[in-house]
Amino acid sequence: MIPENTTSATVFQGGKTVYGATVGILMLETRFPRVYGDIGNAATWPFPVMYRVVPGASPDRVVRQRGEGLLEAFITAGRDLVRHGADGITTNCGFLALFQEELSEALAVPVATSSLMQVPSVQRLLPPGKQVGFLTISAATLTPDHLKGAGVDPDTPIVGTDAGRHFSRAILENEAELDVEASRRDLLEAGATLLRKHPDIGAIVLECTNMVPYAADLRRAFGLPVYSIYTLVTWFQAGLLPRRFPPQLDDTRP
């Protein structure tokens, strides 16, 4: 049965406070710069989004300490986003895949906690003999539990930027300054390491939502598709608010 409110262009159903911003983003409490392309820079998105900062959710606590004691705070912030109009929830840290099941159950809307959720789908896109690999901000603390939460095969190739000089330290230590060029070099070096260790890589997924500004550099350097939280959330949003197309204007139709 077609809902009655879809048959009229002049009668609309209410119930929200905010309209048009269908994606709600749960943010860690940080002070490092959110450069253009970062999930926390609202200008990154080609559509409106809503943000909620989760008190006490520092990068160190979420990435290095598994978000211990923070689940209820994320649920509370997520429910507030839904109450104000979000139709789907994502987060600004791929390590929150640990909370995927709990957030989906508690928020009762679609939830995409981690860019890593793309890994199984990207693998299916690749030709025989190729595999997907991913870059993470902290290979040292990414566990099988994180991978399980995102539905990722534990044998998937992984390289971390925590072996670099700047990017991981600036984000995880929540520093007030970010050297974009140094961060770019760290990402490129991690990408080169991934491909050197695994020459059969056919696509790269970026776990960390702060890596998006360097996706084009990785694509240019290695000639491989690069997927990130940006590709995940733009796909996610397209389902939450499908584009409405104008009537057919082709005068040659019957």
C-alpha atoms as a PDB file:
ATOM      1  CA  MET A   1       0.000   0.000   0.000  1.00  0.00           C
ATOM      2  CA  ILE A   2       1.314   3.465  -0.915  1.00  0.00           C
ATOM      3  CA  PRO A   3       1.282   5.898   2.071  1.00  0.00           C
ATOM      4  CA  GLU A   4      -1.299   8.635   1.550  1.00  0.00           C
ATOM      5  CA  ASN A   5       1.185  11.466   2.102  1.00  0.00           C
ATOM      6  CA  THR A   6       3.154  10.420  -1.021  1.00  0.00           C
ATOM      7  CA  THR A   7       0.238  11.183  -3.353  1.00  0.00           C
ATOM      8  CA  SER A   8       0.107  14.943  -2.795  1.00  0.00           C
ATOM      9  CA  ALA A   9       2.705  17.640  -3.431  1.00  0.00           C
ATOM     10  CA  THR A  10       1.025  20.055  -1.022  1.00  0.00           C
ATOM     11  CA  VAL A  11       0.463  17.990   2.142  1.00  0.00           C
ATOM     12  CA  PHE A  12       3.544  17.025   4.159  1.00  0.00           C
ATOM     13  CA  GLN A  13       4.085  14.850   7.203  1.00  0.00           C
ATOM     14  CA  GLY A  14       5.803  16.488  10.173  1.00  0.00           C
ATOM     15  CA  GLY A  15       7.420  15.105  13.311  1.00  0.00           C
ATOM     16  CA  LYS A  16      10.997  16.384  13.108  1.00  0.00           C
ATOM     17  CA  THR A  17      12.780  19.522  14.190  1.00  0.00           C
ATOM     18  CA  VAL A  18      15.402  19.564  11.404  1.00  0.00           C
ATOM     19  CA  TYR A  19      14.720  18.595   7.789  1.00  0.00           C
ATOM     20  CA  GLY A  20      17.110  17.911   4.924  1.00  0.00           C
ATOM     21  CA  ALA A  21      20.074  16.931   7.132  1.00  0.00           C
ATOM     22  CA  THR A  22      19.409  13.212   7.064  1.00  0.00           C
ATOM     23  CA  VAL A  23      22.883  12.090   8.186  1.00  0.00           C
ATOM     24  CA  GLY A  24      23.845  12.502  11.843  1.00  0.00           C
ATOM     25  CA  ILE A  25      27.546  12.296  12.696  1.00  0.00           C
ATOM     26  CA  LEU A  26      28.775  11.286  16.146  1.00  0.00           C
ATOM     27  CA  MET A  27      32.005  13.184  16.797  1.00  0.00           C
ATOM     28  CA  LEU A  28      34.889  12.532  19.132  1.00  0.00           C
ATOM     29  CA  GLU A  29      35.779  15.410  21.449  1.00  0.00           C
ATOM     30  CA  THR A  30      38.896  16.824  19.768  1.00  0.00           C
ATOM     31  CA  ARG A  31      40.895  19.983  19.137  1.00  0.00           C
ATOM     32  CA  PHE A  32      43.082  19.017  16.162  1.00  0.00           C
ATOM     33  CA  PRO A  33      42.308  20.929  12.938  1.00  0.00           C
ATOM     34  CA  ARG A  34      39.499  19.616  10.755  1.00  0.00           C
ATOM     35  CA  VAL A  35      40.822  20.458   7.285  1.00  0.00           C
ATOM     36  CA  TYR A  36      38.684  20.462   4.152  1.00  0.00           C
ATOM     37  CA  GLY A  37      37.872  16.834   3.375  1.00  0.00           C
ATOM     38  CA  ASP A  38      37.815  15.773   7.020  1.00  0.00           C
ATOM     39  CA  ILE A  39      34.480  14.345   8.211  1.00  0.00           C
ATOM     40  CA  GLY A  40      34.344  17.025  10.914  1.00  0.00           C
ATOM     41  CA  ASN A  41      34.520  19.894   8.431  1.00  0.00           C
ATOM     42  CA  ALA A  42      30.916  20.562   7.409  1.00  0.00           C
ATOM     43  CA  ALA A  43      32.096  22.078   4.106  1.00  0.00           C
ATOM     44  CA  THR A  44      33.339  18.611   3.098  1.00  0.00           C
ATOM     45  CA  TRP A  45      29.821  17.391   2.422  1.00  0.00           C
ATOM     46  CA  PRO A  46      27.702  18.123  -0.674  1.00  0.00           C
ATOM     47  CA  PHE A  47      24.604  17.907   1.546  1.00  0.00           C
ATOM     48  CA  PRO A  48      23.691  19.151   5.043  1.00  0.00           C
ATOM     49  CA  VAL A  49      24.718  17.022   8.020  1.00  0.00           C
ATOM     50  CA  MET A  50      24.120  17.237  11.760  1.00  0.00           C
ATOM     51  CA  TYR A  51      26.836  16.779  14.385  1.00  0.00           C
ATOM     52  CA  ARG A  52      26.880  15.759  18.031  1.00  0.00           C
ATOM     53  CA  VAL A  53      30.084  15.727  20.075  1.00  0.00           C
ATOM     54  CA  VAL A  54      30.361  12.834  22.543  1.00  0.00           C
ATOM     55  CA  PRO A  55      31.844  14.184  25.803  1.00  0.00           C
ATOM     56  CA  GLY A  56      34.977  12.408  26.937  1.00  0.00           C
ATOM     57  CA  ALA A  57      35.449  10.546  23.646  1.00  0.00           C
ATOM     58  CA  SER A  58      39.067  11.486  22.997  1.00  0.00           C
ATOM     59  CA  PRO A  59      41.031   9.886  20.124  1.00  0.00           C
ATOM     60  CA  ASP A  60      43.252   8.115  22.628  1.00  0.00           C
ATOM     61  CA  ARG A  61      40.324   6.689  24.557  1.00  0.00           C
ATOM     62  CA  VAL A  62      38.517   5.442  21.449  1.00  0.00           C
ATOM     63  CA  VAL A  63      41.475   4.199  19.389  1.00  0.00           C
ATOM     64  CA  ARG A  64      43.869   2.980  22.052  1.00  0.00           C
ATOM     65  CA  GLN A  65      41.453   2.080  24.865  1.00  0.00           C
ATOM     66  CA  ARG A  66      38.593   0.511  22.826  1.00  0.00           C
ATOM     67  CA  GLY A  67      36.150   3.238  23.852  1.00  0.00           C
ATOM     68  CA  GLU A  68      35.820   1.731  27.318  1.00  0.00           C
ATOM     69  CA  GLY A  69      32.932   3.279  29.237  1.00  0.00           C
ATOM     70  CA  LEU A  70      31.716   5.390  26.291  1.00  0.00           C
ATOM     71  CA  LEU A  71      28.957   3.278  24.742  1.00  0.00           C
ATOM     72  CA  GLU A  72      26.114   4.913  26.680  1.00  0.00           C
ATOM     73  CA  ALA A  73      27.416   8.384  25.810  1.00  0.00           C
ATOM     74  CA  PHE A  74      27.405   7.467  22.118  1.00  0.00           C
ATOM     75  CA  ILE A  75      23.886   6.065  22.395  1.00  0.00           C
ATOM     76  CA  THR A  76      22.653   9.225  24.140  1.00  0.00           C
ATOM     77  CA  ALA A  77      24.201  11.482  21.490  1.00  0.00           C
ATOM     78  CA  GLY A  78      22.860   9.267  18.710  1.00  0.00           C
ATOM     79  CA  ARG A  79      19.340   9.359  20.110  1.00  0.00           C
ATOM     80  CA  ASP A  80      19.530  13.134  20.288  1.00  0.00           C
ATOM     81  CA  LEU A  81      20.463  13.282  16.606  1.00  0.00           C
ATOM     82  CA  VAL A  82      17.578  10.984  15.690  1.00  0.00           C
ATOM     83  CA  ARG A  83      15.173  12.992  17.852  1.00  0.00           C
ATOM     84  CA  HIS A  84      16.129  16.155  15.990  1.00  0.00           C
ATOM     85  CA  GLY A  85      15.731  14.651  12.533  1.00  0.00           C
ATOM     86  CA  ALA A  86      18.619  12.373  11.524  1.00  0.00           C
ATOM     87  CA  ASP A  87      17.456   9.339   9.545  1.00  0.00           C
ATOM     88  CA  GLY A  88      20.822   7.563   9.750  1.00  0.00           C
ATOM     89  CA  ILE A  89      23.909   7.755  11.954  1.00  0.00           C
ATOM     90  CA  THR A  90      27.619   7.516  11.247  1.00  0.00           C
ATOM     91  CA  THR A  91      30.700   8.242  13.343  1.00  0.00           C
ATOM     92  CA  ASN A  92      34.006  10.004  12.883  1.00  0.00           C
ATOM     93  CA  CYS A  93      36.219   7.085  13.918  1.00  0.00           C
ATOM     94  CA  GLY A  94      36.534   3.729  12.192  1.00  0.00           C
ATOM     95  CA  PHE A  95      37.455   2.077  15.492  1.00  0.00           C
ATOM     96  CA  LEU A  96      33.849   2.553  16.595  1.00  0.00           C
ATOM     97  CA  ALA A  97      33.025  -0.558  14.569  1.00  0.00           C
ATOM     98  CA  LEU A  98      33.211  -2.118  18.030  1.00  0.00           C
ATOM     99  CA  PHE A  99      29.870  -0.435  18.787  1.00  0.00           C
ATOM    100  CA  GLN A 100      28.123  -1.242  15.475  1.00  0.00           C
ATOM    101  CA  GLU A 101      25.703  -3.822  16.821  1.00  0.00           C
ATOM    102  CA  GLU A 102      24.858  -1.916  20.012  1.00  0.00           C
ATOM    103  CA  LEU A 103      24.273   1.402  18.238  1.00  0.00           C
ATOM    104  CA  SER A 104      22.123  -0.189  15.530  1.00  0.00           C
ATOM    105  CA  GLU A 105      19.955  -1.808  18.179  1.00  0.00           C
ATOM    106  CA  ALA A 106      19.675   1.267  20.387  1.00  0.00           C
ATOM    107  CA  LEU A 107      19.039   3.912  17.728  1.00  0.00           C
ATOM    108  CA  ALA A 108      16.532   2.060  15.528  1.00  0.00           C
ATOM    109  CA  VAL A 109      17.792   3.775  12.348  1.00  0.00           C
ATOM    110  CA  PRO A 110      20.497   2.711   9.877  1.00  0.00           C
ATOM    111  CA  VAL A 111      23.959   3.016  11.444  1.00  0.00           C
ATOM    112  CA  ALA A 112      27.327   2.972   9.659  1.00  0.00           C
ATOM    113  CA  THR A 113      30.009   3.214  12.327  1.00  0.00           C
ATOM    114  CA  SER A 114      33.101   2.624  10.215  1.00  0.00           C
ATOM    115  CA  SER A 115      34.548   3.117   6.752  1.00  0.00           C
ATOM    116  CA  LEU A 116      35.799  -0.453   7.099  1.00  0.00           C
ATOM    117  CA  MET A 117      32.254  -1.652   6.441  1.00  0.00           C
ATOM    118  CA  GLN A 118      33.045  -1.074   2.747  1.00  0.00           C
ATOM    119  CA  VAL A 119      35.844  -3.661   2.673  1.00  0.00           C
ATOM    120  CA  PRO A 120      33.667  -6.736   1.887  1.00  0.00           C
ATOM    121  CA  SER A 121      31.802  -4.887  -0.871  1.00  0.00           C
ATOM    122  CA  VAL A 122      34.977  -3.501  -2.434  1.00  0.00           C
ATOM    123  CA  GLN A 123      36.492  -6.988  -2.435  1.00  0.00           C
ATOM    124  CA  ARG A 124      33.558  -8.254  -4.477  1.00  0.00           C
ATOM    125  CA  LEU A 125      34.164  -5.520  -7.059  1.00  0.00           C
ATOM    126  CA  LEU A 126      37.702  -6.644  -7.811  1.00  0.00           C
ATOM    127  CA  PRO A 127      38.797  -9.055 -10.560  1.00  0.00           C
ATOM    128  CA  PRO A 128      40.200 -12.501  -9.733  1.00  0.00           C
ATOM    129  CA  GLY A 129      43.673 -12.372  -8.252  1.00  0.00           C
ATOM    130  CA  LYS A 130      43.185  -8.944  -6.679  1.00  0.00           C
ATOM    131  CA  GLN A 131      42.383  -8.109  -3.076  1.00  0.00           C
ATOM    132  CA  VAL A 132      41.431  -5.054  -1.075  1.00  0.00           C
ATOM    133  CA  GLY A 133      43.754  -3.655   1.574  1.00  0.00           C
ATOM    134  CA  PHE A 134      43.303  -0.843   4.028  1.00  0.00           C
ATOM    135  CA  LEU A 135      45.196   1.844   5.848  1.00  0.00           C
ATOM    136  CA  THR A 136      44.523   2.564   9.512  1.00  0.00           C
ATOM    137  CA  ILE A 137      45.655   5.226  11.935  1.00  0.00           C
ATOM    138  CA  SER A 138      46.773   2.583  14.467  1.00  0.00           C
ATOM    139  CA  ALA A 139      47.641  -0.909  13.307  1.00  0.00           C
ATOM    140  CA  ALA A 140      49.006  -1.533  16.800  1.00  0.00           C
ATOM    141  CA  THR A 141      45.563  -1.303  18.432  1.00  0.00           C
ATOM    142  CA  LEU A 142      43.242  -2.497  15.650  1.00  0.00           C
ATOM    143  CA  THR A 143      42.001  -5.894  16.817  1.00  0.00           C
ATOM    144  CA  PRO A 144      40.014  -8.805  15.361  1.00  0.00           C
ATOM    145  CA  ASP A 145      37.041  -7.466  17.345  1.00  0.00           C
ATOM    146  CA  HIS A 146      37.144  -4.214  15.353  1.00  0.00           C
ATOM    147  CA  LEU A 147      37.279  -6.154  12.097  1.00  0.00           C
ATOM    148  CA  LYS A 148      34.425  -8.407  13.172  1.00  0.00           C
ATOM    149  CA  GLY A 149      32.279  -5.370  13.988  1.00  0.00           C
ATOM    150  CA  ALA A 150      32.777  -4.093  10.430  1.00  0.00           C
ATOM    151  CA  GLY A 151      32.358  -7.504   8.809  1.00  0.00           C
ATOM    152  CA  VAL A 152      35.977  -7.560   7.596  1.00  0.00           C
ATOM    153  CA  ASP A 153      37.939 -10.749   6.913  1.00  0.00           C
ATOM    154  CA  PRO A 154      40.747 -10.837   9.520  1.00  0.00           C
ATOM    155  CA  ASP A 155      43.204 -11.835   6.779  1.00  0.00           C
ATOM    156  CA  THR A 156      42.698  -8.555   4.923  1.00  0.00           C
ATOM    157  CA  PRO A 157      46.036  -6.740   4.422  1.00  0.00           C
ATOM    158  CA  ILE A 158      46.496  -3.832   6.840  1.00  0.00           C
ATOM    159  CA  VAL A 159      49.121  -1.114   7.172  1.00  0.00           C
ATOM    160  CA  GLY A 160      49.058   1.663   9.763  1.00  0.00           C
ATOM    161  CA  THR A 161      50.269   5.241   9.633  1.00  0.00           C
ATOM    162  CA  ASP A 162      51.442   4.815  13.222  1.00  0.00           C
ATOM    163  CA  ALA A 163      54.854   3.981  11.730  1.00  0.00           C
ATOM    164  CA  GLY A 164      54.955   7.501  10.235  1.00  0.00           C
ATOM    165  CA  ARG A 165      56.323  10.712  11.667  1.00  0.00           C
ATOM    166  CA  HIS A 166      53.353  13.042  12.035  1.00  0.00           C
ATOM    167  CA  PHE A 167      49.785  12.062  11.068  1.00  0.00           C
ATOM    168  CA  SER A 168      48.949   9.417  13.681  1.00  0.00           C
ATOM    169  CA  ARG A 169      50.696  11.339  16.451  1.00  0.00           C
ATOM    170  CA  ALA A 170      48.908  14.611  15.666  1.00  0.00           C
ATOM    171  CA  ILE A 171      45.479  12.949  15.632  1.00  0.00           C
ATOM    172  CA  LEU A 172      45.866  10.481  18.488  1.00  0.00           C
ATOM    173  CA  GLU A 173      47.621  12.984  20.744  1.00  0.00           C
ATOM    174  CA  ASN A 174      44.949  15.546  19.818  1.00  0.00           C
ATOM    175  CA  GLU A 175      47.468  18.226  18.930  1.00  0.00           C
ATOM    176  CA  ALA A 176      46.402  21.768  18.102  1.00  0.00           C
ATOM    177  CA  GLU A 177      48.351  21.852  14.829  1.00  0.00           C
ATOM    178  CA  LEU A 178      48.279  19.549  11.810  1.00  0.00           C
ATOM    179  CA  ASP A 179      50.923  19.602   9.087  1.00  0.00           C
ATOM    180  CA  VAL A 180      48.953  18.636   5.979  1.00  0.00           C
ATOM    181  CA  GLU A 181      52.028  18.039   3.822  1.00  0.00           C
ATOM    182  CA  ALA A 182      53.646  15.816   6.467  1.00  0.00           C
ATOM    183  CA  SER A 183      50.371  13.944   6.814  1.00  0.00           C
ATOM    184  CA  ARG A 184      50.204  13.455   3.056  1.00  0.00           C
ATOM    185  CA  ARG A 185      53.711  11.973   3.066  1.00  0.00           C
ATOM    186  CA  ASP A 186      52.778   9.596   5.891  1.00  0.00           C
ATOM    187  CA  LEU A 187      49.755   8.358   3.924  1.00  0.00           C
ATOM    188  CA  LEU A 188      51.770   7.889   0.754  1.00  0.00           C
ATOM    189  CA  GLU A 189      54.486   5.992   2.621  1.00  0.00           C
ATOM    190  CA  ALA A 190      51.876   3.745   4.247  1.00  0.00           C
ATOM    191  CA  GLY A 191      50.288   3.135   0.845  1.00  0.00           C
ATOM    192  CA  ALA A 192      53.659   2.246  -0.654  1.00  0.00           C
ATOM    193  CA  THR A 193      54.299  -0.188   2.204  1.00  0.00           C
ATOM    194  CA  LEU A 194      50.904  -1.822   1.679  1.00  0.00           C
ATOM    195  CA  LEU A 195      51.608  -2.375  -2.012  1.00  0.00           C
ATOM    196  CA  ARG A 196      55.166  -3.541  -1.438  1.00  0.00           C
ATOM    197  CA  LYS A 197      53.975  -6.183   1.022  1.00  0.00           C
ATOM    198  CA  HIS A 198      50.942  -7.116  -1.068  1.00  0.00           C
ATOM    199  CA  PRO A 199      51.494  -6.509  -4.814  1.00  0.00           C
ATOM    200  CA  ASP A 200      48.058  -7.972  -5.578  1.00  0.00           C
ATOM    201  CA  ILE A 201      46.197  -5.065  -3.957  1.00  0.00           C
ATOM    202  CA  GLY A 202      43.460  -3.850  -6.302  1.00  0.00           C
ATOM    203  CA  ALA A 203      41.825  -1.160  -4.133  1.00  0.00           C
ATOM    204  CA  ILE A 204      42.495   0.709  -0.896  1.00  0.00           C
ATOM    205  CA  VAL A 205      40.051   1.515   1.906  1.00  0.00           C
ATOM    206  CA  LEU A 206      40.900   4.236   4.426  1.00  0.00           C
ATOM    207  CA  GLU A 207      39.816   3.344   7.963  1.00  0.00           C
ATOM    208  CA  CYS A 208      40.472   6.745   9.490  1.00  0.00           C
ATOM    209  CA  THR A 209      38.010   9.525   8.719  1.00  0.00           C
ATOM    210  CA  ASN A 210      40.852  12.071   8.894  1.00  0.00           C
ATOM    211  CA  MET A 211      42.540  10.420   5.895  1.00  0.00           C
ATOM    212  CA  VAL A 212      39.989  11.618   3.331  1.00  0.00           C
ATOM    213  CA  PRO A 213      41.966  14.768   2.344  1.00  0.00           C
ATOM    214  CA  TYR A 214      44.746  12.494   1.042  1.00  0.00           C
ATOM    215  CA  ALA A 215      42.608  10.004  -0.918  1.00  0.00           C
ATOM    216  CA  ALA A 216      43.217  11.768  -4.235  1.00  0.00           C
ATOM    217  CA  ASP A 217      46.980  11.728  -3.592  1.00  0.00           C
ATOM    218  CA  LEU A 218      46.872   7.967  -3.027  1.00  0.00           C
ATOM    219  CA  ARG A 219      44.841   7.458  -6.197  1.00  0.00           C
ATOM    220  CA  ARG A 220      47.284   9.572  -8.203  1.00  0.00           C
ATOM    221  CA  ALA A 221      50.361   7.879  -6.764  1.00  0.00           C
ATOM    222  CA  PHE A 222      49.263   4.249  -7.085  1.00  0.00           C
ATOM    223  CA  GLY A 223      46.533   4.263  -9.731  1.00  0.00           C
ATOM    224  CA  LEU A 224      44.104   2.318  -7.543  1.00  0.00           C
ATOM    225  CA  PRO A 225      40.543   3.080  -6.426  1.00  0.00           C
ATOM    226  CA  VAL A 226      40.454   4.587  -2.931  1.00  0.00           C
ATOM    227  CA  TYR A 227      37.408   4.307  -0.675  1.00  0.00           C
ATOM    228  CA  SER A 228      36.879   6.247   2.541  1.00  0.00           C
ATOM    229  CA  ILE A 229      34.281   7.535   4.965  1.00  0.00           C
ATOM    230  CA  TYR A 230      33.428  10.088   2.270  1.00  0.00           C
ATOM    231  CA  THR A 231      32.451   7.392  -0.236  1.00  0.00           C
ATOM    232  CA  LEU A 232      30.550   5.478   2.451  1.00  0.00           C
ATOM    233  CA  VAL A 233      28.539   8.431   3.749  1.00  0.00           C
ATOM    234  CA  THR A 234      27.682   9.828   0.299  1.00  0.00           C
ATOM    235  CA  TRP A 235      26.303   6.390  -0.622  1.00  0.00           C
ATOM    236  CA  PHE A 236      24.560   6.138   2.771  1.00  0.00           C
ATOM    237  CA  GLN A 237      22.918   9.551   2.361  1.00  0.00           C
ATOM    238  CA  ALA A 238      21.720   8.749  -1.163  1.00  0.00           C
ATOM    239  CA  GLY A 239      19.517   6.028   0.278  1.00  0.00           C
ATOM    240  CA  LEU A 240      18.291   8.091   3.227  1.00  0.00           C
ATOM    241  CA  LEU A 241      17.196  10.933   0.941  1.00  0.00           C
ATOM    242  CA  PRO A 242      16.898   9.702  -2.653  1.00  0.00           C
ATOM    243  CA  ARG A 243      17.217  12.333  -5.317  1.00  0.00           C
ATOM    244  CA  ARG A 244      13.923  13.429  -6.830  1.00  0.00           C
ATOM    245  CA  PHE A 245      14.191  13.778 -10.594  1.00  0.00           C
ATOM    246  CA  PRO A 246      12.069  16.194 -12.674  1.00  0.00           C
ATOM    247  CA  PRO A 247       9.362  14.896 -15.016  1.00  0.00           C
ATOM    248  CA  GLN A 248      10.470  13.553 -18.400  1.00  0.00           C
ATOM    249  CA  LEU A 249      10.950  16.531 -20.722  1.00  0.00           C
ATOM    250  CA  ASP A 250      11.836  14.611 -23.903  1.00  0.00           C
ATOM    251  CA  ASP A 251       9.493  15.922 -26.590  1.00  0.00           C
ATOM    252  CA  THR A 252      10.142  12.859 -28.762  1.00  0.00           C
ATOM    253  CA  ARG A 253       8.401  10.478 -26.402  1.00  0.00           C
ATOM    254  CA  PRO A 254       5.103   8.922 -27.609  1.00  0.00           C
END
